[in-house]
Amino acid sequence: MRESVTALGSYKPVNGVMYPFFIESGPKNNPDQRGKITVTKIEANVPIEDSEFKMPAAPAAPPAAKRHRNNERLQPLTGLF
């Protein structure tokens, strides 16, 4: 079993609530492999336009399958190559 650890620090108040501005996370037994995140700015209660919550438009339909010169339908290649 692999154990991990997450440490939060450098707390600062943002609109009256304390937030961590430093996060470190990774394997418990190997501190050199832990990821470190330093937050430079946190904003709370920022106004957001209603348009930000609208669903995006549906994607365009895929093009019709092409046909070979003898009118056989060609199959698209898919997968990893």
Foldseek 3Di string as FASTA:
>chain_A
DWDKDKDFDPWDDAPRDTDGQKIWMDTPVDRVPIDIGGHDDDHPPDDDDPVVVDDDDDDDDDDDFDADPVRHTDDDDDDDD
